Amino acid sequence: MTPRVSIVILSYYKPHIIEKCLRTLAMTEGVEYEVVVVDNGSDTATVEALRGFKAEGFITTLVENPVNSMFSG
């Protein structure tokens, strides 16, 4: 049985960095994983980029928080 791993990425602006991370993760072989991205109140352009990454299959679950609740939120 292949192990299942959940990768949670906190996003606050910087979609180009998230994209680099997602594309690097896509090169992973031999591990079954899901990618959960939690956006922490970014602007519309960032959220649209994240929605695009989800549509392309890079993100399993996208959580869009309306405000920045920091890491502990």
C-alpha atoms as a PDB file:
ATOM      1  CA  MET A   1       0.000   0.000   0.000  1.00  0.00           C
ATOM      2  CA  THR A   2       1.266   3.450  -0.925  1.00  0.00           C
ATOM      3  CA  PRO A   3       1.543   5.880   2.008  1.00  0.00           C
ATOM      4  CA  ARG A   4      -0.800   8.880   2.014  1.00  0.00           C
ATOM      5  CA  VAL A   5       0.610  12.258   2.936  1.00  0.00           C
ATOM      6  CA  SER A   6      -1.186  15.589   3.400  1.00  0.00           C
ATOM      7  CA  ILE A   7       0.828  18.667   2.523  1.00  0.00           C
ATOM      8  CA  VAL A   8      -0.607  21.923   3.869  1.00  0.00           C
ATOM      9  CA  ILE A   9       0.647  25.189   2.407  1.00  0.00           C
ATOM     10  CA  LEU A  10      -0.244  28.545   3.922  1.00  0.00           C
ATOM     11  CA  SER A  11      -0.534  31.278   1.305  1.00  0.00           C
ATOM     12  CA  TYR A  12      -0.478  35.043   1.716  1.00  0.00           C
ATOM     13  CA  TYR A  13       0.182  36.768  -1.600  1.00  0.00           C
ATOM     14  CA  LYS A  14       3.281  35.573  -3.557  1.00  0.00           C
ATOM     15  CA  PRO A  15       1.521  33.216  -6.044  1.00  0.00           C
ATOM     16  CA  HIS A  16       4.789  32.751  -7.972  1.00  0.00           C
ATOM     17  CA  ILE A  17       6.362  31.117  -4.909  1.00  0.00           C
ATOM     18  CA  ILE A  18       3.335  28.860  -4.406  1.00  0.00           C
ATOM     19  CA  GLU A  19       3.494  27.908  -8.082  1.00  0.00           C
ATOM     20  CA  LYS A  20       7.159  26.943  -7.782  1.00  0.00           C
ATOM     21  CA  CYS A  21       6.356  24.820  -4.727  1.00  0.00           C
ATOM     22  CA  LEU A  22       3.409  23.110  -6.453  1.00  0.00           C
ATOM     23  CA  ARG A  23       5.376  22.344  -9.612  1.00  0.00           C
ATOM     24  CA  THR A  24       8.209  20.903  -7.536  1.00  0.00           C
ATOM     25  CA  LEU A  25       5.757  18.720  -5.605  1.00  0.00           C
ATOM     26  CA  ALA A  26       4.334  17.463  -8.908  1.00  0.00           C
ATOM     27  CA  MET A  27       7.734  15.891  -9.648  1.00  0.00           C
ATOM     28  CA  THR A  28       7.442  13.679  -6.556  1.00  0.00           C
ATOM     29  CA  GLU A  29       7.212   9.978  -7.351  1.00  0.00           C
ATOM     30  CA  GLY A  30       6.334   6.985  -5.215  1.00  0.00           C
ATOM     31  CA  VAL A  31       4.241   8.835  -2.635  1.00  0.00           C
ATOM     32  CA  GLU A  32       0.494   9.325  -2.739  1.00  0.00           C
ATOM     33  CA  TYR A  33      -0.241  12.798  -1.429  1.00  0.00           C
ATOM     34  CA  GLU A  34      -2.793  15.565  -1.340  1.00  0.00           C
ATOM     35  CA  VAL A  35      -2.059  19.275  -1.367  1.00  0.00           C
ATOM     36  CA  VAL A  36      -4.158  21.592   0.778  1.00  0.00           C
ATOM     37  CA  VAL A  37      -3.574  25.309   0.251  1.00  0.00           C
ATOM     38  CA  VAL A  38      -4.986  27.721   2.807  1.00  0.00           C
ATOM     39  CA  ASP A  39      -5.047  31.276   1.536  1.00  0.00           C
ATOM     40  CA  ASN A  40      -4.911  33.812   4.327  1.00  0.00           C
ATOM     41  CA  GLY A  41      -6.727  36.837   2.941  1.00  0.00           C
ATOM     42  CA  SER A  42      -4.669  37.514  -0.189  1.00  0.00           C
ATOM     43  CA  ASP A  43      -5.786  39.866  -2.937  1.00  0.00           C
ATOM     44  CA  THR A  44      -8.055  38.828  -5.793  1.00  0.00           C
ATOM     45  CA  ALA A  45      -5.178  38.232  -8.220  1.00  0.00           C
ATOM     46  CA  THR A  46      -3.522  35.757  -5.849  1.00  0.00           C
ATOM     47  CA  VAL A  47      -6.769  33.895  -5.176  1.00  0.00           C
ATOM     48  CA  GLU A  48      -7.472  33.683  -8.922  1.00  0.00           C
ATOM     49  CA  ALA A  49      -3.986  32.242  -9.485  1.00  0.00           C
ATOM     50  CA  LEU A  50      -4.594  29.651  -6.755  1.00  0.00           C
ATOM     51  CA  ARG A  51      -7.945  28.730  -8.314  1.00  0.00           C
ATOM     52  CA  GLY A  52      -6.094  28.209 -11.584  1.00  0.00           C
ATOM     53  CA  PHE A  53      -3.559  25.906  -9.925  1.00  0.00           C
ATOM     54  CA  LYS A  54      -6.465  23.932  -8.439  1.00  0.00           C
ATOM     55  CA  ALA A  55      -8.135  23.677 -11.853  1.00  0.00           C
ATOM     56  CA  GLU A  56      -4.841  22.348 -13.266  1.00  0.00           C
ATOM     57  CA  GLY A  57      -4.782  19.639 -10.591  1.00  0.00           C
ATOM     58  CA  PHE A  58      -1.876  20.955  -8.522  1.00  0.00           C
ATOM     59  CA  ILE A  59      -4.092  21.661  -5.481  1.00  0.00           C
ATOM     60  CA  THR A  60      -6.454  19.073  -4.000  1.00  0.00           C
ATOM     61  CA  THR A  61      -8.238  21.426  -1.602  1.00  0.00           C
ATOM     62  CA  LEU A  62      -8.211  25.223  -1.610  1.00  0.00           C
ATOM     63  CA  VAL A  63      -9.403  27.086   1.482  1.00  0.00           C
ATOM     64  CA  GLU A  64     -10.017  30.793   0.898  1.00  0.00           C
ATOM     65  CA  ASN A  65      -9.964  32.703   4.186  1.00  0.00           C
ATOM     66  CA  PRO A  66     -11.305  36.260   3.809  1.00  0.00           C
ATOM     67  CA  VAL A  67      -8.871  37.666   6.396  1.00  0.00           C
ATOM     68  CA  ASN A  68      -5.281  36.987   7.412  1.00  0.00           C
ATOM     69  CA  SER A  69      -5.515  34.977  10.642  1.00  0.00           C
ATOM     70  CA  MET A  70      -1.759  34.346  10.788  1.00  0.00           C
ATOM     71  CA  PHE A  71      -0.277  30.873  11.316  1.00  0.00           C
ATOM     72  CA  SER A  72      -2.111  30.023  14.519  1.00  0.00           C
ATOM     73  CA  GLY A  73      -5.515  30.910  13.104  1.00  0.00           C
END
